[in-house]
């Protein structure tokens, strides 16, 4: 995995940590930890944006956060699950995977064009 995709993976995971932190924080110092996680998260987000198109980064970041938060609600916070929730989570997942595949295809095209020059 290239560094930019590692940064994108880390920022997506850290987003889930701070969302979880906001749900369970009940003391002032818990919020200090959450803020620290957010700062590190945004650092990795900015690092991912250096090499991957910002629209792709944000779409994956937002979709991963949305999917992760929905799953967290269901499995950790005992919220309800419905077929419609599952369907729309599947649509998000397909969209994110499609963006990743499209970005890889563009990288392959750029590498071939540079080799021709």
PDB file of N, CA and C in Angstrom:
ATOM      1  N   UNK A   1       0.855  -1.180   0.000  1.00  0.00           N
ATOM      2  CA  UNK A   1       0.000   0.000   0.000  1.00  0.00           C
ATOM      3  C   UNK A   1       0.897   1.238   0.000  1.00  0.00           C
ATOM      4  N   UNK A   2       0.606   2.152  -0.878  1.00  0.00           N
ATOM      5  CA  UNK A   2       1.387   3.380  -0.956  1.00  0.00           C
ATOM      6  C   UNK A   2       1.071   4.263   0.249  1.00  0.00           C
ATOM      7  N   UNK A   3       1.993   5.177   0.551  1.00  0.00           N
ATOM      8  CA  UNK A   3       1.839   6.026   1.735  1.00  0.00           C
ATOM      9  C   UNK A   3       0.539   6.814   1.755  1.00  0.00           C
ATOM     10  N   UNK A   4       0.160   7.368   0.610  1.00  0.00           N
ATOM     11  CA  UNK A   4      -1.051   8.203   0.601  1.00  0.00           C
ATOM     12  C   UNK A   4      -2.284   7.385   0.965  1.00  0.00           C
ATOM     13  N   UNK A   5      -2.334   6.134   0.550  1.00  0.00           N
ATOM     14  CA  UNK A   5      -3.482   5.291   0.898  1.00  0.00           C
ATOM     15  C   UNK A   5      -3.399   4.853   2.360  1.00  0.00           C
ATOM     16  N   UNK A   6      -2.180   4.732   2.885  1.00  0.00           N
ATOM     17  CA  UNK A   6      -2.023   4.434   4.307  1.00  0.00           C
ATOM     18  C   UNK A   6      -2.541   5.626   5.125  1.00  0.00           C
ATOM     19  N   UNK A   7      -2.201   6.839   4.694  1.00  0.00           N
ATOM     20  CA  UNK A   7      -2.690   8.029   5.392  1.00  0.00           C
ATOM     21  C   UNK A   7      -4.215   8.103   5.337  1.00  0.00           C
ATOM     22  N   UNK A   8      -4.777   7.769   4.193  1.00  0.00           N
ATOM     23  CA  UNK A   8      -6.232   7.799   4.053  1.00  0.00           C
ATOM     24  C   UNK A   8      -6.891   6.753   4.951  1.00  0.00           C
ATOM     25  N   UNK A   9      -6.275   5.584   5.038  1.00  0.00           N
ATOM     26  CA  UNK A   9      -6.795   4.537   5.924  1.00  0.00           C
ATOM     27  C   UNK A   9      -6.713   4.983   7.384  1.00  0.00           C
ATOM     28  N   UNK A  10      -5.582   5.561   7.760  1.00  0.00           N
ATOM     29  CA  UNK A  10      -5.419   6.030   9.140  1.00  0.00           C
ATOM     30  C   UNK A  10      -6.407   7.140   9.484  1.00  0.00           C
ATOM     31  N   UNK A  11      -6.599   8.088   8.589  1.00  0.00           N
ATOM     32  CA  UNK A  11      -7.523   9.178   8.879  1.00  0.00           C
ATOM     33  C   UNK A  11      -8.957   8.667   8.986  1.00  0.00           C
ATOM     34  N   UNK A  12      -9.299   7.665   8.191  1.00  0.00           N
ATOM     35  CA  UNK A  12     -10.648   7.092   8.269  1.00  0.00           C
ATOM     36  C   UNK A  12     -10.851   6.347   9.584  1.00  0.00           C
ATOM     37  N   UNK A  13      -9.824   5.630  10.035  1.00  0.00           N
ATOM     38  CA  UNK A  13      -9.920   4.922  11.316  1.00  0.00           C
ATOM     39  C   UNK A  13      -9.962   5.892  12.496  1.00  0.00           C
ATOM     40  N   UNK A  14      -9.104   6.907  12.447  1.00  0.00           N
ATOM     41  CA  UNK A  14      -9.095   7.888  13.534  1.00  0.00           C
ATOM     42  C   UNK A  14     -10.417   8.634  13.632  1.00  0.00           C
ATOM     43  N   UNK A  15     -11.063   8.840  12.501  1.00  0.00           N
ATOM     44  CA  UNK A  15     -12.381   9.484  12.531  1.00  0.00           C
ATOM     45  C   UNK A  15     -13.340   8.672  13.395  1.00  0.00           C
ATOM     46  N   UNK A  16     -13.279   7.362  13.269  1.00  0.00           N
ATOM     47  CA  UNK A  16     -14.151   6.504  14.075  1.00  0.00           C
ATOM     48  C   UNK A  16     -13.801   6.588  15.557  1.00  0.00           C
ATOM     49  N   UNK A  17     -12.506   6.713  15.868  1.00  0.00           N
ATOM     50  CA  UNK A  17     -12.113   6.835  17.273  1.00  0.00           C
ATOM     51  C   UNK A  17     -12.668   8.106  17.901  1.00  0.00           C
ATOM     52  N   UNK A  18     -12.574   9.242  17.170  1.00  0.00           N
ATOM     53  CA  UNK A  18     -13.069  10.454  17.799  1.00  0.00           C
ATOM     54  C   UNK A  18     -14.587  10.519  17.830  1.00  0.00           C
ATOM     55  N   UNK A  19     -15.254   9.909  16.873  1.00  0.00           N
ATOM     56  CA  UNK A  19     -16.723   9.829  16.942  1.00  0.00           C
ATOM     57  C   UNK A  19     -17.133   8.988  18.148  1.00  0.00           C
ATOM     58  N   UNK A  20     -16.450   7.857  18.330  1.00  0.00           N
ATOM     59  CA  UNK A  20     -16.708   7.021  19.506  1.00  0.00           C
ATOM     60  C   UNK A  20     -16.428   7.818  20.784  1.00  0.00           C
ATOM     61  N   UNK A  21     -15.325   8.543  20.787  1.00  0.00           N
ATOM     62  CA  UNK A  21     -14.971   9.363  21.956  1.00  0.00           C
ATOM     63  C   UNK A  21     -16.048  10.371  22.307  1.00  0.00           C
ATOM     64  N   UNK A  22     -16.614  11.025  21.312  1.00  0.00           N
ATOM     65  CA  UNK A  22     -17.691  11.971  21.590  1.00  0.00           C
ATOM     66  C   UNK A  22     -18.909  11.276  22.192  1.00  0.00           C
ATOM     67  N   UNK A  23     -19.151  10.032  21.796  1.00  0.00           N
ATOM     68  CA  UNK A  23     -20.297   9.297  22.327  1.00  0.00           C
ATOM     69  C   UNK A  23     -20.116   8.862  23.775  1.00  0.00           C
ATOM     70  N   UNK A  24     -18.888   8.582  24.178  1.00  0.00           N
ATOM     71  CA  UNK A  24     -18.671   8.038  25.522  1.00  0.00           C
ATOM     72  C   UNK A  24     -18.026   9.028  26.490  1.00  0.00           C
ATOM     73  N   UNK A  25     -17.552  10.158  26.012  1.00  0.00           N
ATOM     74  CA  UNK A  25     -16.886  11.128  26.884  1.00  0.00           C
ATOM     75  C   UNK A  25     -17.871  11.677  27.914  1.00  0.00           C
ATOM     76  N   UNK A  26     -17.430  11.678  29.172  1.00  0.00           N
ATOM     77  CA  UNK A  26     -18.288  12.247  30.220  1.00  0.00           C
ATOM     78  C   UNK A  26     -17.501  13.070  31.229  1.00  0.00           C
ATOM     79  N   UNK A  27     -16.226  13.264  30.974  1.00  0.00           N
ATOM     80  CA  UNK A  27     -15.395  14.121  31.813  1.00  0.00           C
ATOM     81  C   UNK A  27     -14.651  15.092  30.901  1.00  0.00           C
ATOM     82  N   UNK A  28     -14.248  16.225  31.437  1.00  0.00           N
ATOM     83  CA  UNK A  28     -13.623  17.255  30.616  1.00  0.00           C
ATOM     84  C   UNK A  28     -12.357  16.745  29.940  1.00  0.00           C
ATOM     85  N   UNK A  29     -11.574  15.924  30.631  1.00  0.00           N
ATOM     86  CA  UNK A  29     -10.314  15.462  30.056  1.00  0.00           C
ATOM     87  C   UNK A  29     -10.526  14.447  28.934  1.00  0.00           C
ATOM     88  N   UNK A  30     -11.692  13.806  28.898  1.00  0.00           N
ATOM     89  CA  UNK A  30     -12.002  12.919  27.768  1.00  0.00           C
ATOM     90  C   UNK A  30     -12.035  13.736  26.466  1.00  0.00           C
ATOM     91  N   UNK A  31     -12.582  14.940  26.575  1.00  0.00           N
ATOM     92  CA  UNK A  31     -12.678  15.794  25.391  1.00  0.00           C
ATOM     93  C   UNK A  31     -11.303  16.282  24.926  1.00  0.00           C
ATOM     94  N   UNK A  32     -10.366  16.419  25.855  1.00  0.00           N
ATOM     95  CA  UNK A  32      -8.991  16.777  25.481  1.00  0.00           C
ATOM     96  C   UNK A  32      -8.399  15.656  24.617  1.00  0.00           C
ATOM     97  N   UNK A  33      -8.628  14.409  25.006  1.00  0.00           N
ATOM     98  CA  UNK A  33      -8.142  13.268  24.232  1.00  0.00           C
ATOM     99  C   UNK A  33      -8.796  13.249  22.855  1.00  0.00           C
ATOM    100  N   UNK A  34     -10.108  13.499  22.815  1.00  0.00           N
ATOM    101  CA  UNK A  34     -10.826  13.515  21.533  1.00  0.00           C
ATOM    102  C   UNK A  34     -10.268  14.608  20.630  1.00  0.00           C
ATOM    103  N   UNK A  35     -10.017  15.781  21.169  1.00  0.00           N
ATOM    104  CA  UNK A  35      -9.466  16.885  20.377  1.00  0.00           C
ATOM    105  C   UNK A  35      -8.076  16.525  19.848  1.00  0.00           C
ATOM    106  N   UNK A  36      -7.262  15.866  20.673  1.00  0.00           N
ATOM    107  CA  UNK A  36      -5.940  15.434  20.224  1.00  0.00           C
ATOM    108  C   UNK A  36      -6.057  14.435  19.065  1.00  0.00           C
ATOM    109  N   UNK A  37      -7.004  13.523  19.167  1.00  0.00           N
ATOM    110  CA  UNK A  37      -7.218  12.553  18.084  1.00  0.00           C
ATOM    111  C   UNK A  37      -7.654  13.274  16.808  1.00  0.00           C
ATOM    112  N   UNK A  38      -8.520  14.272  16.949  1.00  0.00           N
ATOM    113  CA  UNK A  38      -8.983  15.036  15.783  1.00  0.00           C
ATOM    114  C   UNK A  38      -7.802  15.750  15.109  1.00  0.00           C
ATOM    115  N   UNK A  39      -6.909  16.323  15.902  1.00  0.00           N
ATOM    116  CA  UNK A  39      -5.753  17.030  15.336  1.00  0.00           C
ATOM    117  C   UNK A  39      -4.875  16.064  14.545  1.00  0.00           C
ATOM    118  N   UNK A  40      -4.590  14.894  15.125  1.00  0.00           N
ATOM    119  CA  UNK A  40      -3.783  13.890  14.420  1.00  0.00           C
ATOM    120  C   UNK A  40      -4.524  13.414  13.171  1.00  0.00           C
ATOM    121  N   UNK A  41      -5.843  13.226  13.310  1.00  0.00           N
ATOM    122  CA  UNK A  41      -6.670  12.788  12.190  1.00  0.00           C
ATOM    123  C   UNK A  41      -6.584  13.770  11.023  1.00  0.00           C
ATOM    124  N   UNK A  42      -6.706  15.045  11.297  1.00  0.00           N
ATOM    125  CA  UNK A  42      -6.651  16.037  10.224  1.00  0.00           C
ATOM    126  C   UNK A  42      -5.250  16.137   9.616  1.00  0.00           C
ATOM    127  N   UNK A  43      -4.233  15.853  10.408  1.00  0.00           N
ATOM    128  CA  UNK A  43      -2.874  15.812   9.851  1.00  0.00           C
ATOM    129  C   UNK A  43      -2.784  14.709   8.793  1.00  0.00           C
ATOM    130  N   UNK A  44      -3.261  13.502   9.131  1.00  0.00           N
ATOM    131  CA  UNK A  44      -3.231  12.405   8.160  1.00  0.00           C
ATOM    132  C   UNK A  44      -4.123  12.706   6.957  1.00  0.00           C
ATOM    133  N   UNK A  45      -5.237  13.385   7.188  1.00  0.00           N
ATOM    134  CA  UNK A  45      -6.118  13.773   6.090  1.00  0.00           C
ATOM    135  C   UNK A  45      -5.385  14.697   5.121  1.00  0.00           C
ATOM    136  N   UNK A  46      -4.656  15.657   5.665  1.00  0.00           N
ATOM    137  CA  UNK A  46      -3.911  16.579   4.792  1.00  0.00           C
ATOM    138  C   UNK A  46      -2.775  15.862   4.067  1.00  0.00           C
ATOM    139  N   UNK A  47      -2.152  14.892   4.716  1.00  0.00           N
ATOM    140  CA  UNK A  47      -1.091  14.119   4.058  1.00  0.00           C
ATOM    141  C   UNK A  47      -1.654  13.300   2.900  1.00  0.00           C
ATOM    142  N   UNK A  48      -2.846  12.739   3.082  1.00  0.00           N
ATOM    143  CA  UNK A  48      -3.472  11.963   2.004  1.00  0.00           C
ATOM    144  C   UNK A  48      -3.796  12.862   0.815  1.00  0.00           C
ATOM    145  N   UNK A  49      -4.167  14.107   1.088  1.00  0.00           N
ATOM    146  CA  UNK A  49      -4.554  15.029   0.015  1.00  0.00           C
ATOM    147  C   UNK A  49      -3.368  15.494  -0.832  1.00  0.00           C
ATOM    148  N   UNK A  50      -2.154  15.251  -0.373  1.00  0.00           N
ATOM    149  CA  UNK A  50      -0.982  15.667  -1.154  1.00  0.00           C
ATOM    150  C   UNK A  50      -0.818  14.857  -2.427  1.00  0.00           C
ATOM    151  N   UNK A  51      -1.258  13.590  -2.413  1.00  0.00           N
ATOM    152  CA  UNK A  51      -1.037  12.727  -3.571  1.00  0.00           C
ATOM    153  C   UNK A  51      -2.310  12.215  -4.223  1.00  0.00           C
ATOM    154  N   UNK A  52      -3.382  12.155  -3.463  1.00  0.00           N
ATOM    155  CA  UNK A  52      -4.659  11.661  -3.987  1.00  0.00           C
ATOM    156  C   UNK A  52      -5.549  12.884  -4.209  1.00  0.00           C
ATOM    157  N   UNK A  53      -6.333  12.915  -5.275  1.00  0.00           N
ATOM    158  CA  UNK A  53      -7.235  14.056  -5.480  1.00  0.00           C
ATOM    159  C   UNK A  53      -8.117  14.288  -4.247  1.00  0.00           C
ATOM    160  N   UNK A  54      -8.247  15.545  -3.871  1.00  0.00           N
ATOM    161  CA  UNK A  54      -8.976  15.905  -2.656  1.00  0.00           C
ATOM    162  C   UNK A  54     -10.409  15.376  -2.661  1.00  0.00           C
ATOM    163  N   UNK A  55     -11.065  15.418  -3.805  1.00  0.00           N
ATOM    164  CA  UNK A  55     -12.434  14.904  -3.888  1.00  0.00           C
ATOM    165  C   UNK A  55     -12.508  13.424  -3.573  1.00  0.00           C
ATOM    166  N   UNK A  56     -11.532  12.674  -4.049  1.00  0.00           N
ATOM    167  CA  UNK A  56     -11.480  11.238  -3.762  1.00  0.00           C
ATOM    168  C   UNK A  56     -11.214  11.006  -2.283  1.00  0.00           C
ATOM    169  N   UNK A  57     -10.252  11.749  -1.728  1.00  0.00           N
ATOM    170  CA  UNK A  57      -9.935  11.609  -0.301  1.00  0.00           C
ATOM    171  C   UNK A  57     -11.169  11.906   0.540  1.00  0.00           C
ATOM    172  N   UNK A  58     -11.812  13.025   0.252  1.00  0.00           N
ATOM    173  CA  UNK A  58     -12.954  13.398   1.078  1.00  0.00           C
ATOM    174  C   UNK A  58     -14.109  12.412   0.927  1.00  0.00           C
ATOM    175  N   UNK A  59     -14.350  11.949  -0.279  1.00  0.00           N
ATOM    176  CA  UNK A  59     -15.442  10.991  -0.490  1.00  0.00           C
ATOM    177  C   UNK A  59     -15.192   9.703   0.301  1.00  0.00           C
ATOM    178  N   UNK A  60     -13.966   9.204   0.256  1.00  0.00           N
ATOM    179  CA  UNK A  60     -13.648   7.977   0.990  1.00  0.00           C
ATOM    180  C   UNK A  60     -13.676   8.233   2.491  1.00  0.00           C
ATOM    181  N   UNK A  61     -13.110   9.346   2.931  1.00  0.00           N
ATOM    182  CA  UNK A  61     -13.097   9.719   4.348  1.00  0.00           C
ATOM    183  C   UNK A  61     -14.524   9.829   4.890  1.00  0.00           C
ATOM    184  N   UNK A  62     -15.366  10.532   4.164  1.00  0.00           N
ATOM    185  CA  UNK A  62     -16.753  10.719   4.610  1.00  0.00           C
ATOM    186  C   UNK A  62     -17.539   9.411   4.575  1.00  0.00           C
ATOM    187  N   UNK A  63     -17.349   8.627   3.522  1.00  0.00           N
ATOM    188  CA  UNK A  63     -18.071   7.359   3.417  1.00  0.00           C
ATOM    189  C   UNK A  63     -17.620   6.378   4.494  1.00  0.00           C
ATOM    190  N   UNK A  64     -16.315   6.308   4.734  1.00  0.00           N
ATOM    191  CA  UNK A  64     -15.814   5.411   5.781  1.00  0.00           C
ATOM    192  C   UNK A  64     -16.339   5.842   7.141  1.00  0.00           C
ATOM    193  N   UNK A  65     -16.371   7.131   7.372  1.00  0.00           N
ATOM    194  CA  UNK A  65     -16.919   7.635   8.630  1.00  0.00           C
ATOM    195  C   UNK A  65     -18.402   7.340   8.765  1.00  0.00           C
ATOM    196  N   UNK A  66     -19.127   7.512   7.680  1.00  0.00           N
ATOM    197  CA  UNK A  66     -20.566   7.246   7.704  1.00  0.00           C
ATOM    198  C   UNK A  66     -20.845   5.764   7.938  1.00  0.00           C
ATOM    199  N   UNK A  67     -20.163   4.915   7.170  1.00  0.00           N
ATOM    200  CA  UNK A  67     -20.342   3.465   7.339  1.00  0.00           C
ATOM    201  C   UNK A  67     -19.896   3.014   8.727  1.00  0.00           C
ATOM    202  N   UNK A  68     -18.733   3.466   9.140  1.00  0.00           N
ATOM    203  CA  UNK A  68     -18.213   3.075  10.447  1.00  0.00           C
ATOM    204  C   UNK A  68     -19.096   3.526  11.587  1.00  0.00           C
ATOM    205  N   UNK A  69     -19.595   4.755  11.493  1.00  0.00           N
ATOM    206  CA  UNK A  69     -20.472   5.273  12.540  1.00  0.00           C
ATOM    207  C   UNK A  69     -21.790   4.510  12.570  1.00  0.00           C
ATOM    208  N   UNK A  70     -22.346   4.206  11.414  1.00  0.00           N
ATOM    209  CA  UNK A  70     -23.585   3.432  11.362  1.00  0.00           C
ATOM    210  C   UNK A  70     -23.390   2.043  11.962  1.00  0.00           C
ATOM    211  N   UNK A  71     -22.273   1.406  11.621  1.00  0.00           N
ATOM    212  CA  UNK A  71     -21.988   0.080  12.177  1.00  0.00           C
ATOM    213  C   UNK A  71     -21.710   0.159  13.681  1.00  0.00           C
ATOM    214  N   UNK A  72     -21.037   1.220  14.098  1.00  0.00           N
ATOM    215  CA  UNK A  72     -20.783   1.427  15.516  1.00  0.00           C
ATOM    216  C   UNK A  72     -22.099   1.590  16.280  1.00  0.00           C
ATOM    217  N   UNK A  73     -23.014   2.352  15.710  1.00  0.00           N
ATOM    218  CA  UNK A  73     -24.330   2.522  16.330  1.00  0.00           C
ATOM    219  C   UNK A  73     -25.030   1.182  16.511  1.00  0.00           C
ATOM    220  N   UNK A  74     -24.955   0.344  15.489  1.00  0.00           N
ATOM    221  CA  UNK A  74     -25.647  -0.947  15.524  1.00  0.00           C
ATOM    222  C   UNK A  74     -24.977  -1.911  16.501  1.00  0.00           C
ATOM    223  N   UNK A  75     -23.660  -2.080  16.391  1.00  0.00           N
ATOM    224  CA  UNK A  75     -22.973  -3.123  17.145  1.00  0.00           C
ATOM    225  C   UNK A  75     -22.487  -2.698  18.529  1.00  0.00           C
ATOM    226  N   UNK A  76     -22.187  -1.430  18.731  1.00  0.00           N
ATOM    227  CA  UNK A  76     -21.675  -0.991  20.037  1.00  0.00           C
ATOM    228  C   UNK A  76     -22.758  -0.301  20.866  1.00  0.00           C
ATOM    229  N   UNK A  77     -23.570   0.541  20.205  1.00  0.00           N
ATOM    230  CA  UNK A  77     -24.557   1.322  20.939  1.00  0.00           C
ATOM    231  C   UNK A  77     -25.977   0.767  20.820  1.00  0.00           C
ATOM    232  N   UNK A  78     -26.107  -0.449  20.295  1.00  0.00           N
ATOM    233  CA  UNK A  78     -27.385  -1.186  20.236  1.00  0.00           C
ATOM    234  C   UNK A  78     -28.522  -0.435  19.554  1.00  0.00           C
ATOM    235  N   UNK A  79     -28.209   0.244  18.473  1.00  0.00           N
ATOM    236  CA  UNK A  79     -29.258   0.887  17.673  1.00  0.00           C
ATOM    237  C   UNK A  79     -29.826  -0.139  16.706  1.00  0.00           C
ATOM    238  N   UNK A  80     -30.952   0.196  16.128  1.00  0.00           N
ATOM    239  CA  UNK A  80     -31.626  -0.768  15.256  1.00  0.00           C
ATOM    240  C   UNK A  80     -30.978  -0.830  13.867  1.00  0.00           C
ATOM    241  N   UNK A  81     -31.148  -1.969  13.224  1.00  0.00           N
ATOM    242  CA  UNK A  81     -30.695  -2.169  11.856  1.00  0.00           C
ATOM    243  C   UNK A  81     -31.919  -2.450  11.000  1.00  0.00           C
ATOM    244  N   UNK A  82     -31.928  -1.902   9.802  1.00  0.00           N
ATOM    245  CA  UNK A  82     -33.033  -2.168   8.876  1.00  0.00           C
ATOM    246  C   UNK A  82     -32.450  -2.515   7.513  1.00  0.00           C
ATOM    247  N   UNK A  83     -33.285  -3.100   6.691  1.00  0.00           N
ATOM    248  CA  UNK A  83     -32.850  -3.455   5.334  1.00  0.00           C
ATOM    249  C   UNK A  83     -32.463  -2.198   4.561  1.00  0.00           C
ATOM    250  N   UNK A  84     -33.223  -1.132   4.755  1.00  0.00           N
ATOM    251  CA  UNK A  84     -32.900   0.099   4.026  1.00  0.00           C
ATOM    252  C   UNK A  84     -31.543   0.663   4.471  1.00  0.00           C
ATOM    253  N   UNK A  85     -31.224   0.601   5.779  1.00  0.00           N
ATOM    254  CA  UNK A  85     -29.897   1.041   6.236  1.00  0.00           C
ATOM    255  C   UNK A  85     -28.812   0.197   5.576  1.00  0.00           C
ATOM    256  N   UNK A  86     -29.006  -1.100   5.573  1.00  0.00           N
ATOM    257  CA  UNK A  86     -28.039  -2.002   4.956  1.00  0.00           C
ATOM    258  C   UNK A  86     -27.864  -1.724   3.477  1.00  0.00           C
ATOM    259  N   UNK A  87     -28.964  -1.459   2.788  1.00  0.00           N
ATOM    260  CA  UNK A  87     -28.918  -1.163   1.359  1.00  0.00           C
ATOM    261  C   UNK A  87     -28.108   0.095   1.081  1.00  0.00           C
ATOM    262  N   UNK A  88     -28.365   1.146   1.845  1.00  0.00           N
ATOM    263  CA  UNK A  88     -27.645   2.397   1.603  1.00  0.00           C
ATOM    264  C   UNK A  88     -26.187   2.319   2.036  1.00  0.00           C
ATOM    265  N   UNK A  89     -25.878   1.513   3.039  1.00  0.00           N
ATOM    266  CA  UNK A  89     -24.472   1.293   3.399  1.00  0.00           C
ATOM    267  C   UNK A  89     -23.764   0.550   2.270  1.00  0.00           C
ATOM    268  N   UNK A  90     -24.449  -0.383   1.647  1.00  0.00           N
ATOM    269  CA  UNK A  90     -23.886  -1.120   0.514  1.00  0.00           C
ATOM    270  C   UNK A  90     -23.616  -0.181  -0.663  1.00  0.00           C
ATOM    271  N   UNK A  91     -24.536   0.729  -0.923  1.00  0.00           N
ATOM    272  CA  UNK A  91     -24.337   1.710  -1.997  1.00  0.00           C
ATOM    273  C   UNK A  91     -23.095   2.571  -1.718  1.00  0.00           C
ATOM    274  N   UNK A  92     -22.933   3.009  -0.464  1.00  0.00           N
ATOM    275  CA  UNK A  92     -21.744   3.780  -0.100  1.00  0.00           C
ATOM    276  C   UNK A  92     -20.467   2.975  -0.314  1.00  0.00           C
ATOM    277  N   UNK A  93     -20.499   1.727   0.106  1.00  0.00           N
ATOM    278  CA  UNK A  93     -19.332   0.868  -0.044  1.00  0.00           C
ATOM    279  C   UNK A  93     -18.966   0.673  -1.515  1.00  0.00           C
ATOM    280  N   UNK A  94     -19.957   0.445  -2.354  1.00  0.00           N
ATOM    281  CA  UNK A  94     -19.715   0.287  -3.795  1.00  0.00           C
ATOM    282  C   UNK A  94     -19.136   1.581  -4.367  1.00  0.00           C
ATOM    283  N   UNK A  95     -19.647   2.717  -3.944  1.00  0.00           N
ATOM    284  CA  UNK A  95     -19.135   3.994  -4.425  1.00  0.00           C
ATOM    285  C   UNK A  95     -17.688   4.217  -4.031  1.00  0.00           C
ATOM    286  N   UNK A  96     -17.339   3.905  -2.790  1.00  0.00           N
ATOM    287  CA  UNK A  96     -15.963   4.079  -2.319  1.00  0.00           C
ATOM    288  C   UNK A  96     -15.017   3.151  -3.069  1.00  0.00           C
ATOM    289  N   UNK A  97     -15.399   1.902  -3.213  1.00  0.00           N
ATOM    290  CA  UNK A  97     -14.554   0.959  -3.950  1.00  0.00           C
ATOM    291  C   UNK A  97     -14.390   1.384  -5.410  1.00  0.00           C
ATOM    292  N   UNK A  98     -15.448   1.907  -6.000  1.00  0.00           N
ATOM    293  CA  UNK A  98     -15.376   2.380  -7.386  1.00  0.00           C
ATOM    294  C   UNK A  98     -14.414   3.552  -7.519  1.00  0.00           C
ATOM    295  N   UNK A  99     -14.436   4.466  -6.552  1.00  0.00           N
ATOM    296  CA  UNK A  99     -13.494   5.590  -6.576  1.00  0.00           C
ATOM    297  C   UNK A  99     -12.058   5.092  -6.487  1.00  0.00           C
ATOM    298  N   UNK A 100     -11.813   4.131  -5.624  1.00  0.00           N
ATOM    299  CA  UNK A 100     -10.466   3.567  -5.477  1.00  0.00           C
ATOM    300  C   UNK A 100     -10.017   2.928  -6.789  1.00  0.00           C
ATOM    301  N   UNK A 101     -10.889   2.150  -7.399  1.00  0.00           N
ATOM    302  CA  UNK A 101     -10.551   1.507  -8.667  1.00  0.00           C
ATOM    303  C   UNK A 101     -10.304   2.533  -9.769  1.00  0.00           C
ATOM    304  N   UNK A 102     -11.135   3.569  -9.816  1.00  0.00           N
ATOM    305  CA  UNK A 102     -10.972   4.615 -10.834  1.00  0.00           C
ATOM    306  C   UNK A 102      -9.663   5.363 -10.621  1.00  0.00           C
ATOM    307  N   UNK A 103      -9.293   5.609  -9.377  1.00  0.00           N
ATOM    308  CA  UNK A 103      -8.048   6.303  -9.094  1.00  0.00           C
ATOM    309  C   UNK A 103      -6.857   5.442  -9.491  1.00  0.00           C
ATOM    310  N   UNK A 104      -6.922   4.143  -9.236  1.00  0.00           N
ATOM    311  CA  UNK A 104      -5.835   3.241  -9.651  1.00  0.00           C
ATOM    312  C   UNK A 104      -5.716   3.208 -11.168  1.00  0.00           C
ATOM    313  N   UNK A 105      -6.840   3.221 -11.864  1.00  0.00           N
ATOM    314  CA  UNK A 105      -6.819   3.194 -13.320  1.00  0.00           C
ATOM    315  C   UNK A 105      -6.144   4.457 -13.857  1.00  0.00           C
ATOM    316  N   UNK A 106      -6.450   5.615 -13.266  1.00  0.00           N
ATOM    317  CA  UNK A 106      -5.821   6.869 -13.689  1.00  0.00           C
ATOM    318  C   UNK A 106      -4.318   6.838 -13.438  1.00  0.00           C
ATOM    319  N   UNK A 107      -3.882   6.236 -12.308  1.00  0.00           N
ATOM    320  CA  UNK A 107      -2.450   6.125 -12.034  1.00  0.00           C
ATOM    321  C   UNK A 107      -1.774   5.263 -13.096  1.00  0.00           C
ATOM    322  N   UNK A 108      -2.416   4.154 -13.481  1.00  0.00           N
ATOM    323  CA  UNK A 108      -1.854   3.267 -14.503  1.00  0.00           C
ATOM    324  C   UNK A 108      -1.715   3.992 -15.834  1.00  0.00           C
ATOM    325  N   UNK A 109      -2.711   4.785 -16.199  1.00  0.00           N
ATOM    326  CA  UNK A 109      -2.675   5.541 -17.449  1.00  0.00           C
ATOM    327  C   UNK A 109      -1.536   6.561 -17.413  1.00  0.00           C
ATOM    328  N   UNK A 110      -1.394   7.271 -16.274  1.00  0.00           N
ATOM    329  CA  UNK A 110      -0.316   8.268 -16.137  1.00  0.00           C
ATOM    330  C   UNK A 110       1.057   7.619 -16.227  1.00  0.00           C
ATOM    331  N   UNK A 111       1.214   6.436 -15.633  1.00  0.00           N
ATOM    332  CA  UNK A 111       2.502   5.738 -15.682  1.00  0.00           C
ATOM    333  C   UNK A 111       2.811   5.335 -17.133  1.00  0.00           C
ATOM    334  N   UNK A 112       1.811   4.834 -17.868  1.00  0.00           N
ATOM    335  CA  UNK A 112       2.027   4.439 -19.260  1.00  0.00           C
ATOM    336  C   UNK A 112       2.384   5.645 -20.120  1.00  0.00           C
ATOM    337  N   UNK A 113       1.699   6.783 -19.890  1.00  0.00           N
ATOM    338  CA  UNK A 113       1.985   7.989 -20.673  1.00  0.00           C
ATOM    339  C   UNK A 113       3.395   8.495 -20.406  1.00  0.00           C
ATOM    340  N   UNK A 114       3.849   8.424 -19.147  1.00  0.00           N
ATOM    341  CA  UNK A 114       5.196   8.882 -18.830  1.00  0.00           C
ATOM    342  C   UNK A 114       6.237   7.970 -19.478  1.00  0.00           C
ATOM    343  N   UNK A 115       5.928   6.691 -19.581  1.00  0.00           N
ATOM    344  CA  UNK A 115       6.855   5.738 -20.195  1.00  0.00           C
ATOM    345  C   UNK A 115       6.996   5.963 -21.679  1.00  0.00           C
ATOM    346  N   UNK A 116       5.943   6.506 -22.331  1.00  0.00           N
ATOM    347  CA  UNK A 116       5.954   6.739 -23.769  1.00  0.00           C
ATOM    348  C   UNK A 116       6.807   7.937 -24.115  1.00  0.00           C
ATOM    349  N   UNK A 117       6.884   8.904 -23.236  1.00  0.00           N
ATOM    350  CA  UNK A 117       7.600  10.153 -23.519  1.00  0.00           C
ATOM    351  C   UNK A 117       9.059   9.963 -23.630  1.00  0.00           C
TER     352      UNK A 117
END
